[in-house]
Amino acid sequence: MRNEGGGTARVRISPHLAYGHKGLPSLIPPDALLVVELWLRGIVQTR
């Protein structure tokens, strides 16, 4: 997947890579699948 500046991507993060079966009390339930939408504002090149 190639993304240019200004594009968006929806990323799904499995529970075992995120908060697992502990979750984050009062915020994220145990074994939750996280869905994050990212916005790429631009690409900065470095030397």
PDB file of N, CA and C in Angstrom:
ATOM      1  N   MET A   1       0.843  -1.179   0.000  1.00  0.00           N
ATOM      2  CA  MET A   1       0.000   0.000   0.000  1.00  0.00           C
ATOM      3  C   MET A   1       0.886   1.239   0.000  1.00  0.00           C
ATOM      4  N   ARG A   2       0.680   2.110  -0.966  1.00  0.00           N
ATOM      5  CA  ARG A   2       1.434   3.352  -1.032  1.00  0.00           C
ATOM      6  C   ARG A   2       0.497   4.499  -0.694  1.00  0.00           C
ATOM      7  N   ASN A   3       0.972   5.403   0.117  1.00  0.00           N
ATOM      8  CA  ASN A   3       0.142   6.509   0.552  1.00  0.00           C
ATOM      9  C   ASN A   3       0.888   7.815   0.325  1.00  0.00           C
ATOM     10  N   GLU A   4       0.248   8.762  -0.302  1.00  0.00           N
ATOM     11  CA  GLU A   4       0.815  10.085  -0.514  1.00  0.00           C
ATOM     12  C   GLU A   4       0.305  11.024   0.581  1.00  0.00           C
ATOM     13  N   GLY A   5       0.910  12.202   0.679  1.00  0.00           N
ATOM     14  CA  GLY A   5       0.453  13.173   1.660  1.00  0.00           C
ATOM     15  C   GLY A   5      -1.008  13.516   1.460  1.00  0.00           C
ATOM     16  N   GLY A   6      -1.744  13.658   2.545  1.00  0.00           N
ATOM     17  CA  GLY A   6      -3.163  13.973   2.489  1.00  0.00           C
ATOM     18  C   GLY A   6      -4.055  12.750   2.475  1.00  0.00           C
ATOM     19  N   GLY A   7      -3.485  11.562   2.363  1.00  0.00           N
ATOM     20  CA  GLY A   7      -4.279  10.335   2.339  1.00  0.00           C
ATOM     21  C   GLY A   7      -4.620   9.847   3.735  1.00  0.00           C
ATOM     22  N   THR A   8      -5.589   8.949   3.791  1.00  0.00           N
ATOM     23  CA  THR A   8      -5.965   8.347   5.065  1.00  0.00           C
ATOM     24  C   THR A   8      -5.858   6.832   4.964  1.00  0.00           C
ATOM     25  N   ALA A   9      -5.719   6.197   6.097  1.00  0.00           N
ATOM     26  CA  ALA A   9      -5.674   4.735   6.162  1.00  0.00           C
ATOM     27  C   ALA A   9      -6.349   4.296   7.446  1.00  0.00           C
ATOM     28  N   ARG A  10      -7.096   3.217   7.375  1.00  0.00           N
ATOM     29  CA  ARG A  10      -7.722   2.638   8.555  1.00  0.00           C
ATOM     30  C   ARG A  10      -6.911   1.418   8.940  1.00  0.00           C
ATOM     31  N   VAL A  11      -6.427   1.390  10.176  1.00  0.00           N
ATOM     32  CA  VAL A  11      -5.560   0.320  10.676  1.00  0.00           C
ATOM     33  C   VAL A  11      -6.285  -0.434  11.775  1.00  0.00           C
ATOM     34  N   ARG A  12      -6.284  -1.761  11.671  1.00  0.00           N
ATOM     35  CA  ARG A  12      -6.886  -2.617  12.712  1.00  0.00           C
ATOM     36  C   ARG A  12      -5.743  -3.259  13.495  1.00  0.00           C
ATOM     37  N   ILE A  13      -5.802  -3.140  14.814  1.00  0.00           N
ATOM     38  CA  ILE A  13      -4.761  -3.675  15.694  1.00  0.00           C
ATOM     39  C   ILE A  13      -5.374  -4.767  16.555  1.00  0.00           C
ATOM     40  N   SER A  14      -4.845  -5.977  16.403  1.00  0.00           N
ATOM     41  CA  SER A  14      -5.352  -7.127  17.157  1.00  0.00           C
ATOM     42  C   SER A  14      -5.119  -6.944  18.650  1.00  0.00           C
ATOM     43  N   PRO A  15      -5.980  -7.542  19.464  1.00  0.00           N
ATOM     44  CA  PRO A  15      -5.837  -7.411  20.920  1.00  0.00           C
ATOM     45  C   PRO A  15      -4.466  -7.835  21.446  1.00  0.00           C
ATOM     46  N   HIS A  16      -3.879  -8.890  20.875  1.00  0.00           N
ATOM     47  CA  HIS A  16      -2.583  -9.348  21.397  1.00  0.00           C
ATOM     48  C   HIS A  16      -1.452  -8.367  21.090  1.00  0.00           C
ATOM     49  N   LEU A  17      -1.653  -7.447  20.138  1.00  0.00           N
ATOM     50  CA  LEU A  17      -0.658  -6.411  19.855  1.00  0.00           C
ATOM     51  C   LEU A  17      -0.997  -5.090  20.538  1.00  0.00           C
ATOM     52  N   ALA A  18      -2.210  -4.984  21.056  1.00  0.00           N
ATOM     53  CA  ALA A  18      -2.649  -3.741  21.692  1.00  0.00           C
ATOM     54  C   ALA A  18      -2.650  -3.904  23.215  1.00  0.00           C
ATOM     55  N   TYR A  19      -3.821  -3.956  23.825  1.00  0.00           N
ATOM     56  CA  TYR A  19      -3.932  -3.993  25.285  1.00  0.00           C
ATOM     57  C   TYR A  19      -4.200  -5.380  25.851  1.00  0.00           C
ATOM     58  N   GLY A  20      -4.389  -6.370  24.968  1.00  0.00           N
ATOM     59  CA  GLY A  20      -4.541  -7.752  25.412  1.00  0.00           C
ATOM     60  C   GLY A  20      -5.761  -7.999  26.278  1.00  0.00           C
ATOM     61  N   HIS A  21      -5.678  -9.074  27.080  1.00  0.00           N
ATOM     62  CA  HIS A  21      -6.832  -9.434  27.908  1.00  0.00           C
ATOM     63  C   HIS A  21      -6.947  -8.591  29.179  1.00  0.00           C
ATOM     64  N   LYS A  22      -6.002  -7.701  29.419  1.00  0.00           N
ATOM     65  CA  LYS A  22      -6.132  -6.785  30.561  1.00  0.00           C
ATOM     66  C   LYS A  22      -6.940  -5.554  30.190  1.00  0.00           C
ATOM     67  N   GLY A  23      -6.802  -5.109  28.936  1.00  0.00           N
ATOM     68  CA  GLY A  23      -7.482  -3.893  28.536  1.00  0.00           C
ATOM     69  C   GLY A  23      -6.892  -2.684  29.238  1.00  0.00           C
ATOM     70  N   LEU A  24      -7.620  -1.609  29.238  1.00  0.00           N
ATOM     71  CA  LEU A  24      -7.235  -0.404  29.965  1.00  0.00           C
ATOM     72  C   LEU A  24      -8.465  -0.003  30.774  1.00  0.00           C
ATOM     73  N   PRO A  25      -8.451  -0.287  32.092  1.00  0.00           N
ATOM     74  CA  PRO A  25      -9.640  -0.100  32.921  1.00  0.00           C
ATOM     75  C   PRO A  25     -10.331   1.236  32.693  1.00  0.00           C
ATOM     76  N   SER A  26     -11.624   1.171  32.563  1.00  0.00           N
ATOM     77  CA  SER A  26     -12.555   2.292  32.362  1.00  0.00           C
ATOM     78  C   SER A  26     -12.363   3.016  31.029  1.00  0.00           C
ATOM     79  N   LEU A  27     -11.545   2.452  30.116  1.00  0.00           N
ATOM     80  CA  LEU A  27     -11.360   3.098  28.822  1.00  0.00           C
ATOM     81  C   LEU A  27     -11.443   2.105  27.657  1.00  0.00           C
ATOM     82  N   ILE A  28     -10.686   1.011  27.736  1.00  0.00           N
ATOM     83  CA  ILE A  28     -10.659   0.006  26.666  1.00  0.00           C
ATOM     84  C   ILE A  28     -10.964  -1.350  27.285  1.00  0.00           C
ATOM     85  N   PRO A  29     -12.004  -2.035  26.792  1.00  0.00           N
ATOM     86  CA  PRO A  29     -12.368  -3.326  27.361  1.00  0.00           C
ATOM     87  C   PRO A  29     -11.337  -4.407  27.044  1.00  0.00           C
ATOM     88  N   PRO A  30     -11.313  -5.484  27.826  1.00  0.00           N
ATOM     89  CA  PRO A  30     -10.392  -6.595  27.559  1.00  0.00           C
ATOM     90  C   PRO A  30     -10.622  -7.184  26.165  1.00  0.00           C
ATOM     91  N   ASP A  31      -9.537  -7.611  25.539  1.00  0.00           N
ATOM     92  CA  ASP A  31      -9.560  -8.258  24.222  1.00  0.00           C
ATOM     93  C   ASP A  31     -10.253  -7.420  23.146  1.00  0.00           C
ATOM     94  N   ALA A  32     -10.084  -6.113  23.204  1.00  0.00           N
ATOM     95  CA  ALA A  32     -10.707  -5.221  22.225  1.00  0.00           C
ATOM     96  C   ALA A  32      -9.850  -5.128  20.963  1.00  0.00           C
ATOM     97  N   LEU A  33     -10.520  -5.141  19.824  1.00  0.00           N
ATOM     98  CA  LEU A  33      -9.876  -4.882  18.540  1.00  0.00           C
ATOM     99  C   LEU A  33      -9.860  -3.368  18.366  1.00  0.00           C
ATOM    100  N   LEU A  34      -8.673  -2.795  18.207  1.00  0.00           N
ATOM    101  CA  LEU A  34      -8.583  -1.345  18.036  1.00  0.00           C
ATOM    102  C   LEU A  34      -8.629  -1.007  16.554  1.00  0.00           C
ATOM    103  N   VAL A  35      -9.436  -0.022  16.203  1.00  0.00           N
ATOM    104  CA  VAL A  35      -9.508   0.473  14.833  1.00  0.00           C
ATOM    105  C   VAL A  35      -9.103   1.942  14.881  1.00  0.00           C
ATOM    106  N   VAL A  36      -8.038   2.268  14.153  1.00  0.00           N
ATOM    107  CA  VAL A  36      -7.482   3.615  14.182  1.00  0.00           C
ATOM    108  C   VAL A  36      -7.487   4.164  12.761  1.00  0.00           C
ATOM    109  N   GLU A  37      -7.948   5.383  12.595  1.00  0.00           N
ATOM    110  CA  GLU A  37      -7.867   6.026  11.293  1.00  0.00           C
ATOM    111  C   GLU A  37      -6.728   7.040  11.333  1.00  0.00           C
ATOM    112  N   LEU A  38      -5.794   6.880  10.413  1.00  0.00           N
ATOM    113  CA  LEU A  38      -4.613   7.744  10.358  1.00  0.00           C
ATOM    114  C   LEU A  38      -4.721   8.692   9.182  1.00  0.00           C
ATOM    115  N   TRP A  39      -4.222   9.891   9.365  1.00  0.00           N
ATOM    116  CA  TRP A  39      -4.193  10.883   8.301  1.00  0.00           C
ATOM    117  C   TRP A  39      -2.750  11.271   8.072  1.00  0.00           C
ATOM    118  N   LEU A  40      -2.236  11.009   6.886  1.00  0.00           N
ATOM    119  CA  LEU A  40      -0.864  11.359   6.538  1.00  0.00           C
ATOM    120  C   LEU A  40      -0.866  12.771   5.980  1.00  0.00           C
ATOM    121  N   ARG A  41      -0.350  13.691   6.757  1.00  0.00           N
ATOM    122  CA  ARG A  41      -0.357  15.095   6.352  1.00  0.00           C
ATOM    123  C   ARG A  41       0.671  15.378   5.280  1.00  0.00           C
ATOM    124  N   GLY A  42       1.799  14.710   5.346  1.00  0.00           N
ATOM    125  CA  GLY A  42       2.848  14.933   4.359  1.00  0.00           C
ATOM    126  C   GLY A  42       4.019  14.010   4.618  1.00  0.00           C
ATOM    127  N   ILE A  43       4.944  14.011   3.701  1.00  0.00           N
ATOM    128  CA  ILE A  43       6.140  13.186   3.823  1.00  0.00           C
ATOM    129  C   ILE A  43       7.342  14.110   3.904  1.00  0.00           C
ATOM    130  N   VAL A  44       8.161  13.918   4.932  1.00  0.00           N
ATOM    131  CA  VAL A  44       9.352  14.717   5.127  1.00  0.00           C
ATOM    132  C   VAL A  44      10.556  13.855   4.817  1.00  0.00           C
ATOM    133  N   GLN A  45      11.385  14.310   3.881  1.00  0.00           N
ATOM    134  CA  GLN A  45      12.586  13.554   3.550  1.00  0.00           C
ATOM    135  C   GLN A  45      13.743  14.071   4.379  1.00  0.00           C
ATOM    136  N   THR A  46      14.549  13.152   4.886  1.00  0.00           N
ATOM    137  CA  THR A  46      15.745  13.520   5.647  1.00  0.00           C
ATOM    138  C   THR A  46      16.968  13.043   4.901  1.00  0.00           C
ATOM    139  N   ARG A  47      18.083  13.567   5.264  1.00  0.00           N
ATOM    140  CA  ARG A  47      19.330  13.192   4.588  1.00  0.00           C
ATOM    141  C   ARG A  47      19.789  11.825   4.961  1.00  0.00           C
TER     142      ARG A  47
END
